[in-house]
N, C-alpha and C. Protein backbone atom coordinates (compact mmCIF):
# COMPACT_ATOMS: atom_id res chain seq x y z
N MET A 1 -1.37 -7.59 -14.96
CA MET A 1 -2.47 -8.55 -14.45
C MET A 1 -2.21 -8.57 -12.88
N THR A 2 -3.23 -8.41 -12.27
CA THR A 2 -3.02 -8.68 -10.71
C THR A 2 -3.44 -9.89 -10.42
N ARG A 3 -2.51 -10.35 -9.18
CA ARG A 3 -3.09 -11.52 -8.56
C ARG A 3 -4.31 -11.45 -7.72
N GLN A 4 -5.19 -12.39 -8.06
CA GLN A 4 -6.30 -12.40 -7.02
C GLN A 4 -6.39 -13.57 -6.41
N GLY A 5 -6.58 -13.59 -4.87
CA GLY A 5 -6.85 -14.70 -4.02
C GLY A 5 -5.39 -15.41 -3.90
N CYS A 6 -4.27 -14.69 -3.92
CA CYS A 6 -2.91 -15.35 -3.74
C CYS A 6 -2.51 -14.30 -2.29
N PHE A 7 -1.77 -15.31 -1.65
CA PHE A 7 -1.41 -14.71 -0.41
C PHE A 7 -0.05 -14.03 -0.70
N LEU A 8 0.26 -12.72 0.14
CA LEU A 8 1.47 -12.16 -0.08
C LEU A 8 2.54 -12.68 0.82
N THR A 9 3.79 -12.86 0.50
CA THR A 9 4.77 -13.03 1.24
C THR A 9 5.16 -12.27 2.37
N GLU A 10 5.87 -12.61 3.41
CA GLU A 10 6.08 -11.51 4.48
C GLU A 10 7.28 -10.54 3.71
N GLN A 11 7.84 -11.14 2.85
CA GLN A 11 8.96 -10.19 2.06
C GLN A 11 8.08 -8.99 1.18
N GLU A 12 7.08 -9.38 0.42
CA GLU A 12 6.26 -8.40 -0.31
C GLU A 12 5.71 -7.61 0.54
N ILE A 13 5.01 -7.90 1.76
CA ILE A 13 4.26 -7.10 2.82
C ILE A 13 5.36 -5.83 3.13
N LYS A 14 6.29 -6.32 3.61
CA LYS A 14 7.47 -5.49 3.74
C LYS A 14 7.69 -4.48 2.82
N ARG A 15 8.00 -4.76 1.55
CA ARG A 15 8.08 -3.95 0.48
C ARG A 15 7.02 -3.07 0.08
N ILE A 16 5.79 -3.64 0.35
CA ILE A 16 4.70 -2.65 0.25
C ILE A 16 4.69 -1.77 1.26
N VAL A 17 4.93 -1.87 2.46
CA VAL A 17 4.89 -1.08 3.59
C VAL A 17 6.07 0.05 3.29
N THR A 18 7.23 -0.39 2.89
CA THR A 18 8.56 0.53 2.43
C THR A 18 8.08 1.44 1.32
N LEU A 19 7.01 0.91 0.22
CA LEU A 19 6.56 1.73 -0.77
C LEU A 19 5.57 2.89 -0.20
N LEU A 20 4.80 2.52 0.73
CA LEU A 20 3.87 3.30 1.26
C LEU A 20 4.65 4.36 2.12
N ASP A 21 5.60 3.83 2.71
CA ASP A 21 6.12 5.03 3.65
C ASP A 21 7.32 6.02 3.09
N LYS A 22 8.02 5.39 1.98
CA LYS A 22 9.06 6.09 1.41
C LYS A 22 8.73 6.54 0.01
N THR A 23 7.63 6.60 -0.40
CA THR A 23 7.39 7.02 -1.89
C THR A 23 6.19 7.59 -1.86
N ASP A 24 5.99 8.40 -3.03
CA ASP A 24 5.03 9.07 -3.30
C ASP A 24 3.79 8.38 -4.35
N LEU A 25 4.10 7.05 -4.52
CA LEU A 25 3.30 6.54 -5.33
C LEU A 25 1.92 6.17 -4.80
N THR A 26 0.97 6.15 -5.75
CA THR A 26 -0.66 5.99 -5.29
C THR A 26 -0.63 4.58 -5.00
N ILE A 27 -1.80 4.21 -4.31
CA ILE A 27 -2.12 2.84 -4.28
C ILE A 27 -2.24 1.97 -5.41
N LEU A 28 -2.83 2.53 -6.37
CA LEU A 28 -2.90 2.07 -7.83
C LEU A 28 -1.51 1.70 -8.30
N GLU A 29 -0.85 2.45 -8.33
CA GLU A 29 0.96 2.60 -8.65
C GLU A 29 1.41 1.49 -8.04
N ILE A 30 1.21 1.17 -6.75
CA ILE A 30 2.01 0.25 -5.84
C ILE A 30 1.43 -1.09 -6.30
N ALA A 31 -0.13 -1.21 -6.13
CA ALA A 31 -0.46 -2.41 -6.66
C ALA A 31 -0.09 -3.08 -7.93
N GLN A 32 0.08 -2.09 -9.05
CA GLN A 32 0.43 -2.37 -10.20
C GLN A 32 1.86 -2.75 -10.16
N ARG A 33 2.80 -2.34 -9.61
CA ARG A 33 4.27 -2.55 -9.29
C ARG A 33 4.34 -4.06 -8.72
N MET A 34 3.21 -4.29 -7.63
CA MET A 34 3.72 -5.38 -7.14
C MET A 34 2.66 -6.64 -7.49
N THR A 35 1.84 -6.35 -8.40
CA THR A 35 0.78 -7.04 -9.23
C THR A 35 0.06 -7.74 -8.13
N CYS A 36 -0.73 -6.95 -7.38
CA CYS A 36 -1.80 -7.39 -6.52
C CYS A 36 -3.11 -6.48 -6.51
N SER A 37 -4.02 -6.57 -5.89
CA SER A 37 -5.27 -5.80 -5.87
C SER A 37 -4.91 -4.46 -5.08
N ARG A 38 -5.60 -3.44 -5.27
CA ARG A 38 -5.62 -2.34 -4.62
C ARG A 38 -6.17 -2.55 -2.99
N SER A 39 -7.09 -3.34 -2.95
CA SER A 39 -7.63 -3.73 -1.70
C SER A 39 -6.77 -4.54 -0.80
N SER A 40 -5.81 -4.98 -1.39
CA SER A 40 -4.65 -5.46 -0.61
C SER A 40 -3.43 -4.62 0.14
N ILE A 41 -3.57 -3.67 -0.88
CA ILE A 41 -2.58 -2.58 -0.33
C ILE A 41 -3.00 -1.69 0.69
N VAL A 42 -4.50 -1.19 0.26
CA VAL A 42 -5.32 -0.77 1.18
C VAL A 42 -5.23 -1.43 2.84
N ALA A 43 -5.43 -2.70 2.72
CA ALA A 43 -5.46 -3.47 3.85
C ALA A 43 -4.18 -3.46 4.49
N ILE A 44 -3.22 -3.55 3.81
CA ILE A 44 -1.54 -3.61 4.49
C ILE A 44 -1.64 -2.10 4.90
N ASN A 45 -2.00 -1.00 4.45
CA ASN A 45 -1.93 0.44 4.90
C ASN A 45 -2.65 0.55 6.30
N ARG A 46 -3.94 -0.07 6.19
CA ARG A 46 -4.62 0.13 7.36
C ARG A 46 -4.08 -0.91 8.72
N LYS A 47 -3.54 -1.82 8.26
CA LYS A 47 -2.98 -2.69 9.51
C LYS A 47 -1.69 -2.12 10.00
N PHE A 48 -1.04 -1.69 9.20
CA PHE A 48 0.33 -0.85 9.49
C PHE A 48 0.35 0.58 9.83
N GLN A 49 -0.84 1.06 9.64
CA GLN A 49 -1.00 2.60 9.82
C GLN A 49 -0.11 3.48 9.18
N VAL A 50 0.43 3.08 8.01
CA VAL A 50 1.47 3.96 7.24
C VAL A 50 1.03 5.24 6.92
N ARG A 51 -0.05 5.32 6.03
CA ARG A 51 -0.46 6.47 5.71
C ARG A 51 -1.85 6.99 6.02
N LYS A 52 -2.25 8.22 6.46
CA LYS A 52 -3.33 8.63 6.97
C LYS A 52 -4.04 9.63 5.90
N TYR A 53 -5.02 9.26 5.49
CA TYR A 53 -5.78 9.81 4.21
C TYR A 53 -6.64 10.96 4.70
N ALA A 54 -7.28 10.82 5.87
CA ALA A 54 -8.19 11.83 6.52
C ALA A 54 -9.42 11.89 5.64
N GLY A 55 -9.83 11.09 4.84
CA GLY A 55 -11.13 11.13 3.94
C GLY A 55 -10.67 11.69 2.52
N MET A 56 -9.44 12.04 2.37
CA MET A 56 -8.97 12.04 1.06
C MET A 56 -8.39 11.20 0.15
N ARG A 57 -8.56 10.91 -0.92
CA ARG A 57 -7.79 9.84 -1.79
C ARG A 57 -6.47 10.31 -2.33
N THR A 58 -6.16 11.40 -2.55
CA THR A 58 -5.02 11.81 -3.15
C THR A 58 -3.91 12.41 -2.25
N ASN A 59 -4.35 12.85 -1.18
CA ASN A 59 -3.48 13.56 0.08
C ASN A 59 -3.46 12.62 1.35
N TRP A 60 -2.08 12.37 1.87
CA TRP A 60 -2.08 11.91 2.78
C TRP A 60 -0.86 12.26 3.57
N THR A 61 -0.63 11.85 5.06
CA THR A 61 0.41 12.24 5.85
C THR A 61 0.80 10.62 6.12
N SER A 62 2.14 10.73 6.30
CA SER A 62 2.71 9.41 6.83
C SER A 62 2.79 9.44 8.36
N LYS A 63 3.16 8.11 8.89
CA LYS A 63 3.26 8.18 10.00
C LYS A 63 4.26 8.80 10.82
N ALA A 64 5.40 9.09 10.01
CA ALA A 64 6.58 9.64 10.38
C ALA A 64 6.45 11.24 10.49
N SER A 65 5.36 11.61 10.03
CA SER A 65 5.07 13.24 9.98
C SER A 65 4.62 13.48 11.03
């Protein structure tokens, strides 16, 4: 069950950024693992510009690439 309307701690945000950057997990998989909504993961990705999707949902490039 995902948490809705809950704030993420700074530690949780750092963990999400790490998962976005270092793994091939999808946004849904990260959301399930962190028990938060997909929109939270997307918002964090946009804020920290970790993955660039270029209009595609399943393919991305990381900022390190």
